[in-house]
Amino acid sequence: MSNARDFDSPPTEAQLQRIASLSASDLADIDAALLALCIPQWRTLARVVGGAMLSFEGRFAGVPDTYFAQRVARLIDAGVLEVTGDPRRMRGCEIRRAG
């Protein structure tokens, strides 16, 4: 049985404000970076999110990793990615390109 500690932390108010400031172009760039790190083999969501965040070299400072994970969840819902596990638990979830 899982509890609240098992899930990634929600964003702070400052992080929510930073997220709200993202443009459509920013979101497209984030999605593209996430997809570039997804391959046909399973990878942990934490690895993909961490790699995407590093690729921006601070461009999205203040945007939490959990928001990047939410973007992945949207790609899963769109059928672009497949998932095993719960995307709200980055270390316990794996993703791959949909085949």
PDB file of N, CA and C in Angstrom:
ATOM      1  N   MET A   1       0.849  -1.181   0.000  1.00  0.00           N
ATOM      2  CA  MET A   1       0.000   0.000   0.000  1.00  0.00           C
ATOM      3  C   MET A   1       0.894   1.243   0.000  1.00  0.00           C
ATOM      4  N   SER A   2       0.582   2.203  -0.808  1.00  0.00           N
ATOM      5  CA  SER A   2       1.384   3.419  -0.882  1.00  0.00           C
ATOM      6  C   SER A   2       0.729   4.518  -0.059  1.00  0.00           C
ATOM      7  N   ASN A   3       1.549   5.497   0.282  1.00  0.00           N
ATOM      8  CA  ASN A   3       1.014   6.662   0.979  1.00  0.00           C
ATOM      9  C   ASN A   3       1.529   7.918   0.297  1.00  0.00           C
ATOM     10  N   ALA A   4       1.171   9.066   0.830  1.00  0.00           N
ATOM     11  CA  ALA A   4       1.517  10.340   0.192  1.00  0.00           C
ATOM     12  C   ALA A   4       3.016  10.525   0.034  1.00  0.00           C
ATOM     13  N   ARG A   5       3.821   9.968   0.932  1.00  0.00           N
ATOM     14  CA  ARG A   5       5.277  10.122   0.836  1.00  0.00           C
ATOM     15  C   ARG A   5       5.842   9.413  -0.384  1.00  0.00           C
ATOM     16  N   ASP A   6       5.120   8.459  -0.920  1.00  0.00           N
ATOM     17  CA  ASP A   6       5.588   7.713  -2.083  1.00  0.00           C
ATOM     18  C   ASP A   6       5.517   8.534  -3.372  1.00  0.00           C
ATOM     19  N   PHE A   7       4.755   9.597  -3.374  1.00  0.00           N
ATOM     20  CA  PHE A   7       4.554  10.379  -4.581  1.00  0.00           C
ATOM     21  C   PHE A   7       5.455  11.611  -4.585  1.00  0.00           C
ATOM     22  N   ASP A   8       5.728  12.111  -5.778  1.00  0.00           N
ATOM     23  CA  ASP A   8       6.560  13.296  -5.917  1.00  0.00           C
ATOM     24  C   ASP A   8       5.836  14.502  -5.326  1.00  0.00           C
ATOM     25  N   SER A   9       6.595  15.440  -4.808  1.00  0.00           N
ATOM     26  CA  SER A   9       6.027  16.620  -4.137  1.00  0.00           C
ATOM     27  C   SER A   9       5.315  17.532  -5.125  1.00  0.00           C
ATOM     28  N   PRO A  10       4.227  18.150  -4.684  1.00  0.00           N
ATOM     29  CA  PRO A  10       3.552  19.126  -5.547  1.00  0.00           C
ATOM     30  C   PRO A  10       4.386  20.401  -5.646  1.00  0.00           C
ATOM     31  N   PRO A  11       4.179  21.186  -6.693  1.00  0.00           N
ATOM     32  CA  PRO A  11       4.957  22.421  -6.856  1.00  0.00           C
ATOM     33  C   PRO A  11       4.585  23.465  -5.800  1.00  0.00           C
ATOM     34  N   THR A  12       5.550  24.314  -5.493  1.00  0.00           N
ATOM     35  CA  THR A  12       5.328  25.434  -4.580  1.00  0.00           C
ATOM     36  C   THR A  12       4.602  26.552  -5.326  1.00  0.00           C
ATOM     37  N   GLU A  13       4.185  27.569  -4.621  1.00  0.00           N
ATOM     38  CA  GLU A  13       3.511  28.705  -5.259  1.00  0.00           C
ATOM     39  C   GLU A  13       4.444  29.398  -6.257  1.00  0.00           C
ATOM     40  N   ALA A  14       5.714  29.564  -5.889  1.00  0.00           N
ATOM     41  CA  ALA A  14       6.683  30.190  -6.802  1.00  0.00           C
ATOM     42  C   ALA A  14       6.865  29.344  -8.059  1.00  0.00           C
ATOM     43  N   GLN A  15       6.898  28.032  -7.902  1.00  0.00           N
ATOM     44  CA  GLN A  15       7.039  27.152  -9.054  1.00  0.00           C
ATOM     45  C   GLN A  15       5.792  27.218  -9.939  1.00  0.00           C
ATOM     46  N   LEU A  16       4.621  27.295  -9.327  1.00  0.00           N
ATOM     47  CA  LEU A  16       3.386  27.423 -10.107  1.00  0.00           C
ATOM     48  C   LEU A  16       3.388  28.710 -10.926  1.00  0.00           C
ATOM     49  N   GLN A  17       3.904  29.783 -10.351  1.00  0.00           N
ATOM     50  CA  GLN A  17       3.993  31.039 -11.092  1.00  0.00           C
ATOM     51  C   GLN A  17       4.969  30.914 -12.260  1.00  0.00           C
ATOM     52  N   ARG A  18       6.068  30.230 -12.033  1.00  0.00           N
ATOM     53  CA  ARG A  18       7.053  30.020 -13.112  1.00  0.00           C
ATOM     54  C   ARG A  18       6.445  29.182 -14.228  1.00  0.00           C
ATOM     55  N   ILE A  19       5.714  28.143 -13.864  1.00  0.00           N
ATOM     56  CA  ILE A  19       5.046  27.292 -14.851  1.00  0.00           C
ATOM     57  C   ILE A  19       4.058  28.116 -15.670  1.00  0.00           C
ATOM     58  N   ALA A  20       3.301  28.983 -15.002  1.00  0.00           N
ATOM     59  CA  ALA A  20       2.307  29.811 -15.687  1.00  0.00           C
ATOM     60  C   ALA A  20       2.949  30.771 -16.686  1.00  0.00           C
ATOM     61  N   SER A  21       4.224  31.077 -16.488  1.00  0.00           N
ATOM     62  CA  SER A  21       4.906  32.008 -17.389  1.00  0.00           C
ATOM     63  C   SER A  21       5.443  31.344 -18.656  1.00  0.00           C
ATOM     64  N   LEU A  22       5.346  30.018 -18.744  1.00  0.00           N
ATOM     65  CA  LEU A  22       5.867  29.310 -19.915  1.00  0.00           C
ATOM     66  C   LEU A  22       5.007  29.580 -21.141  1.00  0.00           C
ATOM     67  N   SER A  23       5.653  29.794 -22.262  1.00  0.00           N
ATOM     68  CA  SER A  23       4.944  30.034 -23.528  1.00  0.00           C
ATOM     69  C   SER A  23       4.648  28.710 -24.226  1.00  0.00           C
ATOM     70  N   ALA A  24       3.843  28.771 -25.244  1.00  0.00           N
ATOM     71  CA  ALA A  24       3.568  27.577 -26.056  1.00  0.00           C
ATOM     72  C   ALA A  24       4.863  27.052 -26.675  1.00  0.00           C
ATOM     73  N   SER A  25       5.743  27.939 -27.059  1.00  0.00           N
ATOM     74  CA  SER A  25       7.042  27.540 -27.616  1.00  0.00           C
ATOM     75  C   SER A  25       7.889  26.823 -26.567  1.00  0.00           C
ATOM     76  N   ASP A  26       7.856  27.326 -25.329  1.00  0.00           N
ATOM     77  CA  ASP A  26       8.578  26.663 -24.235  1.00  0.00           C
ATOM     78  C   ASP A  26       8.060  25.240 -24.035  1.00  0.00           C
ATOM     79  N   LEU A  27       6.746  25.096 -24.038  1.00  0.00           N
ATOM     80  CA  LEU A  27       6.144  23.770 -23.834  1.00  0.00           C
ATOM     81  C   LEU A  27       6.523  22.826 -24.969  1.00  0.00           C
ATOM     82  N   ALA A  28       6.529  23.316 -26.182  1.00  0.00           N
ATOM     83  CA  ALA A  28       6.936  22.490 -27.321  1.00  0.00           C
ATOM     84  C   ALA A  28       8.392  22.060 -27.177  1.00  0.00           C
ATOM     85  N   ASP A  29       9.246  22.971 -26.705  1.00  0.00           N
ATOM     86  CA  ASP A  29      10.659  22.627 -26.502  1.00  0.00           C
ATOM     87  C   ASP A  29      10.825  21.578 -25.410  1.00  0.00           C
ATOM     88  N   ILE A  30      10.066  21.715 -24.329  1.00  0.00           N
ATOM     89  CA  ILE A  30      10.125  20.733 -23.245  1.00  0.00           C
ATOM     90  C   ILE A  30       9.684  19.370 -23.760  1.00  0.00           C
ATOM     91  N   ASP A  31       8.562  19.323 -24.457  1.00  0.00           N
ATOM     92  CA  ASP A  31       8.060  18.052 -24.997  1.00  0.00           C
ATOM     93  C   ASP A  31       9.068  17.424 -25.956  1.00  0.00           C
ATOM     94  N   ALA A  32       9.676  18.234 -26.805  1.00  0.00           N
ATOM     95  CA  ALA A  32      10.660  17.716 -27.765  1.00  0.00           C
ATOM     96  C   ALA A  32      11.871  17.137 -27.041  1.00  0.00           C
ATOM     97  N   ALA A  33      12.325  17.803 -25.988  1.00  0.00           N
ATOM     98  CA  ALA A  33      13.473  17.298 -25.224  1.00  0.00           C
ATOM     99  C   ALA A  33      13.125  15.984 -24.534  1.00  0.00           C
ATOM    100  N   LEU A  34      11.927  15.895 -23.986  1.00  0.00           N
ATOM    101  CA  LEU A  34      11.502  14.649 -23.334  1.00  0.00           C
ATOM    102  C   LEU A  34      11.433  13.510 -24.352  1.00  0.00           C
ATOM    103  N   LEU A  35      10.829  13.781 -25.500  1.00  0.00           N
ATOM    104  CA  LEU A  35      10.704  12.751 -26.533  1.00  0.00           C
ATOM    105  C   LEU A  35      12.057  12.316 -27.078  1.00  0.00           C
ATOM    106  N   ALA A  36      12.996  13.242 -27.164  1.00  0.00           N
ATOM    107  CA  ALA A  36      14.330  12.906 -27.678  1.00  0.00           C
ATOM    108  C   ALA A  36      15.043  11.902 -26.775  1.00  0.00           C
ATOM    109  N   LEU A  37      14.666  11.872 -25.512  1.00  0.00           N
ATOM    110  CA  LEU A  37      15.302  10.946 -24.562  1.00  0.00           C
ATOM    111  C   LEU A  37      14.558   9.626 -24.413  1.00  0.00           C
ATOM    112  N   CYS A  38      13.419   9.520 -25.069  1.00  0.00           N
ATOM    113  CA  CYS A  38      12.638   8.280 -24.996  1.00  0.00           C
ATOM    114  C   CYS A  38      12.996   7.390 -26.175  1.00  0.00           C
ATOM    115  N   ILE A  39      13.207   6.134 -25.885  1.00  0.00           N
ATOM    116  CA  ILE A  39      13.601   5.152 -26.881  1.00  0.00           C
ATOM    117  C   ILE A  39      12.625   3.977 -26.810  1.00  0.00           C
ATOM    118  N   PRO A  40      12.742   3.000 -27.702  1.00  0.00           N
ATOM    119  CA  PRO A  40      11.824   1.859 -27.638  1.00  0.00           C
ATOM    120  C   PRO A  40      11.993   0.982 -26.385  1.00  0.00           C
ATOM    121  N   GLN A  41      13.140   1.083 -25.709  1.00  0.00           N
ATOM    122  CA  GLN A  41      13.354   0.323 -24.480  1.00  0.00           C
ATOM    123  C   GLN A  41      12.881   1.153 -23.282  1.00  0.00           C
ATOM    124  N   TRP A  42      12.494   0.457 -22.224  1.00  0.00           N
ATOM    125  CA  TRP A  42      12.013   1.128 -21.025  1.00  0.00           C
ATOM    126  C   TRP A  42      13.133   1.913 -20.361  1.00  0.00           C
ATOM    127  N   ARG A  43      12.820   3.111 -19.916  1.00  0.00           N
ATOM    128  CA  ARG A  43      13.717   3.967 -19.124  1.00  0.00           C
ATOM    129  C   ARG A  43      12.913   4.533 -17.968  1.00  0.00           C
ATOM    130  N   THR A  44      13.584   4.769 -16.847  1.00  0.00           N
ATOM    131  CA  THR A  44      12.846   5.369 -15.740  1.00  0.00           C
ATOM    132  C   THR A  44      12.445   6.789 -16.117  1.00  0.00           C
ATOM    133  N   LEU A  45      11.307   7.171 -15.637  1.00  0.00           N
ATOM    134  CA  LEU A  45      10.824   8.525 -15.864  1.00  0.00           C
ATOM    135  C   LEU A  45      11.806   9.530 -15.268  1.00  0.00           C
ATOM    136  N   ALA A  46      12.387   9.204 -14.129  1.00  0.00           N
ATOM    137  CA  ALA A  46      13.357  10.105 -13.496  1.00  0.00           C
ATOM    138  C   ALA A  46      14.549  10.359 -14.412  1.00  0.00           C
ATOM    139  N   ARG A  47      15.016   9.338 -15.099  1.00  0.00           N
ATOM    140  CA  ARG A  47      16.151   9.501 -16.012  1.00  0.00           C
ATOM    141  C   ARG A  47      15.792  10.424 -17.170  1.00  0.00           C
ATOM    142  N   VAL A  48      14.628  10.232 -17.739  1.00  0.00           N
ATOM    143  CA  VAL A  48      14.199  11.049 -18.876  1.00  0.00           C
ATOM    144  C   VAL A  48      13.993  12.504 -18.439  1.00  0.00           C
ATOM    145  N   VAL A  49      13.307  12.701 -17.328  1.00  0.00           N
ATOM    146  CA  VAL A  49      13.063  14.053 -16.835  1.00  0.00           C
ATOM    147  C   VAL A  49      14.383  14.745 -16.492  1.00  0.00           C
ATOM    148  N   GLY A  50      15.259  14.046 -15.775  1.00  0.00           N
ATOM    149  CA  GLY A  50      16.543  14.632 -15.403  1.00  0.00           C
ATOM    150  C   GLY A  50      17.372  15.011 -16.617  1.00  0.00           C
ATOM    151  N   GLY A  51      17.402  14.139 -17.612  1.00  0.00           N
ATOM    152  CA  GLY A  51      18.149  14.419 -18.830  1.00  0.00           C
ATOM    153  C   GLY A  51      17.589  15.616 -19.580  1.00  0.00           C
ATOM    154  N   ALA A  52      16.270  15.704 -19.638  1.00  0.00           N
ATOM    155  CA  ALA A  52      15.644  16.840 -20.319  1.00  0.00           C
ATOM    156  C   ALA A  52      15.964  18.142 -19.593  1.00  0.00           C
ATOM    157  N   MET A  53      15.871  18.129 -18.285  1.00  0.00           N
ATOM    158  CA  MET A  53      16.154  19.340 -17.520  1.00  0.00           C
ATOM    159  C   MET A  53      17.604  19.779 -17.709  1.00  0.00           C
ATOM    160  N   LEU A  54      18.513  18.835 -17.705  1.00  0.00           N
ATOM    161  CA  LEU A  54      19.929  19.165 -17.908  1.00  0.00           C
ATOM    162  C   LEU A  54      20.183  19.744 -19.296  1.00  0.00           C
ATOM    163  N   SER A  55      19.429  19.287 -20.271  1.00  0.00           N
ATOM    164  CA  SER A  55      19.658  19.734 -21.643  1.00  0.00           C
ATOM    165  C   SER A  55      19.363  21.226 -21.833  1.00  0.00           C
ATOM    166  N   PHE A  56      18.616  21.809 -20.934  1.00  0.00           N
ATOM    167  CA  PHE A  56      18.258  23.222 -21.069  1.00  0.00           C
ATOM    168  C   PHE A  56      19.224  24.163 -20.351  1.00  0.00           C
ATOM    169  N   GLU A  57      20.199  23.632 -19.659  1.00  0.00           N
ATOM    170  CA  GLU A  57      21.238  24.439 -19.011  1.00  0.00           C
ATOM    171  C   GLU A  57      20.671  25.645 -18.262  1.00  0.00           C
ATOM    172  N   GLY A  58      19.638  25.421 -17.465  1.00  0.00           N
ATOM    173  CA  GLY A  58      19.092  26.488 -16.635  1.00  0.00           C
ATOM    174  C   GLY A  58      18.022  27.339 -17.279  1.00  0.00           C
ATOM    175  N   ARG A  59      17.707  27.090 -18.542  1.00  0.00           N
ATOM    176  CA  ARG A  59      16.689  27.894 -19.235  1.00  0.00           C
ATOM    177  C   ARG A  59      15.356  27.884 -18.495  1.00  0.00           C
ATOM    178  N   PHE A  60      15.024  26.773 -17.893  1.00  0.00           N
ATOM    179  CA  PHE A  60      13.757  26.657 -17.184  1.00  0.00           C
ATOM    180  C   PHE A  60      13.963  26.566 -15.674  1.00  0.00           C
ATOM    181  N   ALA A  61      14.895  27.356 -15.169  1.00  0.00           N
ATOM    182  CA  ALA A  61      15.131  27.406 -13.722  1.00  0.00           C
ATOM    183  C   ALA A  61      13.830  27.770 -13.027  1.00  0.00           C
ATOM    184  N   GLY A  62      13.541  27.080 -11.949  1.00  0.00           N
ATOM    185  CA  GLY A  62      12.316  27.333 -11.204  1.00  0.00           C
ATOM    186  C   GLY A  62      11.155  26.456 -11.616  1.00  0.00           C
ATOM    187  N   VAL A  63      11.293  25.765 -12.751  1.00  0.00           N
ATOM    188  CA  VAL A  63      10.259  24.814 -13.171  1.00  0.00           C
ATOM    189  C   VAL A  63      10.630  23.465 -12.551  1.00  0.00           C
ATOM    190  N   PRO A  64       9.765  22.903 -11.721  1.00  0.00           N
ATOM    191  CA  PRO A  64      10.117  21.676 -11.016  1.00  0.00           C
ATOM    192  C   PRO A  64      10.102  20.438 -11.909  1.00  0.00           C
ATOM    193  N   ASP A  65      10.838  19.439 -11.476  1.00  0.00           N
ATOM    194  CA  ASP A  65      10.864  18.179 -12.209  1.00  0.00           C
ATOM    195  C   ASP A  65       9.477  17.570 -12.334  1.00  0.00           C
ATOM    196  N   THR A  66       8.640  17.813 -11.341  1.00  0.00           N
ATOM    197  CA  THR A  66       7.289  17.249 -11.394  1.00  0.00           C
ATOM    198  C   THR A  66       6.486  17.812 -12.565  1.00  0.00           C
ATOM    199  N   TYR A  67       6.791  19.038 -12.978  1.00  0.00           N
ATOM    200  CA  TYR A  67       6.091  19.587 -14.143  1.00  0.00           C
ATOM    201  C   TYR A  67       6.542  18.882 -15.418  1.00  0.00           C
ATOM    202  N   PHE A  68       7.820  18.597 -15.514  1.00  0.00           N
ATOM    203  CA  PHE A  68       8.313  17.830 -16.659  1.00  0.00           C
ATOM    204  C   PHE A  68       7.618  16.462 -16.683  1.00  0.00           C
ATOM    205  N   ALA A  69       7.430  15.859 -15.525  1.00  0.00           N
ATOM    206  CA  ALA A  69       6.729  14.570 -15.447  1.00  0.00           C
ATOM    207  C   ALA A  69       5.272  14.722 -15.887  1.00  0.00           C
ATOM    208  N   GLN A  70       4.659  15.848 -15.568  1.00  0.00           N
ATOM    209  CA  GLN A  70       3.290  16.095 -16.034  1.00  0.00           C
ATOM    210  C   GLN A  70       3.242  16.195 -17.556  1.00  0.00           C
ATOM    211  N   ARG A  71       4.258  16.787 -18.148  1.00  0.00           N
ATOM    212  CA  ARG A  71       4.323  16.861 -19.611  1.00  0.00           C
ATOM    213  C   ARG A  71       4.427  15.444 -20.198  1.00  0.00           C
ATOM    214  N   VAL A  72       5.193  14.585 -19.537  1.00  0.00           N
ATOM    215  CA  VAL A  72       5.289  13.193 -19.979  1.00  0.00           C
ATOM    216  C   VAL A  72       3.914  12.533 -19.897  1.00  0.00           C
ATOM    217  N   ALA A  73       3.195  12.781 -18.822  1.00  0.00           N
ATOM    218  CA  ALA A  73       1.854  12.198 -18.669  1.00  0.00           C
ATOM    219  C   ALA A  73       0.943  12.612 -19.822  1.00  0.00           C
ATOM    220  N   ARG A  74       1.085  13.838 -20.290  1.00  0.00           N
ATOM    221  CA  ARG A  74       0.288  14.292 -21.440  1.00  0.00           C
ATOM    222  C   ARG A  74       0.678  13.520 -22.703  1.00  0.00           C
ATOM    223  N   LEU A  75       1.966  13.250 -22.857  1.00  0.00           N
ATOM    224  CA  LEU A  75       2.431  12.473 -24.011  1.00  0.00           C
ATOM    225  C   LEU A  75       1.948  11.018 -23.925  1.00  0.00           C
ATOM    226  N   ILE A  76       1.840  10.511 -22.714  1.00  0.00           N
ATOM    227  CA  ILE A  76       1.286   9.167 -22.509  1.00  0.00           C
ATOM    228  C   ILE A  76      -0.190   9.171 -22.907  1.00  0.00           C
ATOM    229  N   ASP A  77      -0.928  10.171 -22.422  1.00  0.00           N
ATOM    230  CA  ASP A  77      -2.359  10.283 -22.750  1.00  0.00           C
ATOM    231  C   ASP A  77      -2.587  10.426 -24.252  1.00  0.00           C
ATOM    232  N   ALA A  78      -1.639  11.068 -24.940  1.00  0.00           N
ATOM    233  CA  ALA A  78      -1.753  11.259 -26.393  1.00  0.00           C
ATOM    234  C   ALA A  78      -1.358   9.998 -27.167  1.00  0.00           C
ATOM    235  N   GLY A  79      -0.855   8.982 -26.462  1.00  0.00           N
ATOM    236  CA  GLY A  79      -0.475   7.738 -27.120  1.00  0.00           C
ATOM    237  C   GLY A  79       0.917   7.740 -27.722  1.00  0.00           C
ATOM    238  N   VAL A  80       1.692   8.776 -27.455  1.00  0.00           N
ATOM    239  CA  VAL A  80       3.043   8.877 -28.001  1.00  0.00           C
ATOM    240  C   VAL A  80       4.017   8.017 -27.194  1.00  0.00           C
ATOM    241  N   LEU A  81       3.762   7.902 -25.893  1.00  0.00           N
ATOM    242  CA  LEU A  81       4.612   7.112 -24.995  1.00  0.00           C
ATOM    243  C   LEU A  81       3.785   6.049 -24.292  1.00  0.00           C
ATOM    244  N   GLU A  82       4.448   4.979 -23.888  1.00  0.00           N
ATOM    245  CA  GLU A  82       3.833   3.931 -23.078  1.00  0.00           C
ATOM    246  C   GLU A  82       4.418   4.015 -21.679  1.00  0.00           C
ATOM    247  N   VAL A  83       3.693   3.520 -20.706  1.00  0.00           N
ATOM    248  CA  VAL A  83       4.114   3.639 -19.313  1.00  0.00           C
ATOM    249  C   VAL A  83       3.885   2.341 -18.559  1.00  0.00           C
ATOM    250  N   THR A  84       4.770   2.060 -17.620  1.00  0.00           N
ATOM    251  CA  THR A  84       4.539   1.051 -16.599  1.00  0.00           C
ATOM    252  C   THR A  84       4.732   1.766 -15.278  1.00  0.00           C
ATOM    253  N   GLY A  85       3.813   1.596 -14.376  1.00  0.00           N
ATOM    254  CA  GLY A  85       3.897   2.282 -13.098  1.00  0.00           C
ATOM    255  C   GLY A  85       3.110   3.579 -13.118  1.00  0.00           C
ATOM    256  N   ASP A  86       3.274   4.337 -12.066  1.00  0.00           N
ATOM    257  CA  ASP A  86       2.534   5.576 -11.862  1.00  0.00           C
ATOM    258  C   ASP A  86       3.441   6.773 -12.145  1.00  0.00           C
ATOM    259  N   PRO A  87       3.118   7.600 -13.132  1.00  0.00           N
ATOM    260  CA  PRO A  87       3.965   8.748 -13.453  1.00  0.00           C
ATOM    261  C   PRO A  87       4.116   9.761 -12.315  1.00  0.00           C
ATOM    262  N   ARG A  88       3.295   9.651 -11.290  1.00  0.00           N
ATOM    263  CA  ARG A  88       3.452  10.541 -10.134  1.00  0.00           C
ATOM    264  C   ARG A  88       4.590  10.078  -9.225  1.00  0.00           C
ATOM    265  N   ARG A  89       5.196   8.952  -9.580  1.00  0.00           N
ATOM    266  CA  ARG A  89       6.343   8.408  -8.847  1.00  0.00           C
ATOM    267  C   ARG A  89       7.466   8.212  -9.860  1.00  0.00           C
ATOM    268  N   MET A  90       8.263   9.232 -10.072  1.00  0.00           N
ATOM    269  CA  MET A  90       9.256   9.206 -11.143  1.00  0.00           C
ATOM    270  C   MET A  90      10.242   8.040 -11.043  1.00  0.00           C
ATOM    271  N   ARG A  91      10.640   7.709  -9.835  1.00  0.00           N
ATOM    272  CA  ARG A  91      11.628   6.622  -9.702  1.00  0.00           C
ATOM    273  C   ARG A  91      10.991   5.239  -9.839  1.00  0.00           C
ATOM    274  N   GLY A  92       9.686   5.164  -9.680  1.00  0.00           N
ATOM    275  CA  GLY A  92       9.011   3.875  -9.777  1.00  0.00           C
ATOM    276  C   GLY A  92       8.250   3.685 -11.053  1.00  0.00           C
ATOM    277  N   CYS A  93       8.527   4.505 -12.046  1.00  0.00           N
ATOM    278  CA  CYS A  93       7.789   4.500 -13.298  1.00  0.00           C
ATOM    279  C   CYS A  93       8.773   4.394 -14.449  1.00  0.00           C
ATOM    280  N   GLU A  94       8.400   3.654 -15.471  1.00  0.00           N
ATOM    281  CA  GLU A  94       9.215   3.560 -16.674  1.00  0.00           C
ATOM    282  C   GLU A  94       8.369   3.944 -17.882  1.00  0.00           C
ATOM    283  N   ILE A  95       9.051   4.546 -18.863  1.00  0.00           N
ATOM    284  CA  ILE A  95       8.372   4.956 -20.091  1.00  0.00           C
ATOM    285  C   ILE A  95       9.206   4.536 -21.292  1.00  0.00           C
ATOM    286  N   ARG A  96       8.527   4.477 -22.436  1.00  0.00           N
ATOM    287  CA  ARG A  96       9.211   4.212 -23.709  1.00  0.00           C
ATOM    288  C   ARG A  96       8.346   4.757 -24.836  1.00  0.00           C
ATOM    289  N   ARG A  97       8.959   4.863 -26.008  1.00  0.00           N
ATOM    290  CA  ARG A  97       8.213   5.277 -27.197  1.00  0.00           C
ATOM    291  C   ARG A  97       7.144   4.240 -27.485  1.00  0.00           C
ATOM    292  N   ALA A  98       5.982   4.699 -27.856  1.00  0.00           N
ATOM    293  CA  ALA A  98       4.904   3.782 -28.228  1.00  0.00           C
ATOM    294  C   ALA A  98       5.291   3.093 -29.525  1.00  0.00           C
ATOM    295  N   GLY A  99       5.015   1.816 -29.607  1.00  0.00           N
ATOM    296  CA  GLY A  99       5.410   1.048 -30.775  1.00  0.00           C
ATOM    297  C   GLY A  99       4.275   0.752 -31.625  1.00  0.00           C
TER     298      GLY A  99
END
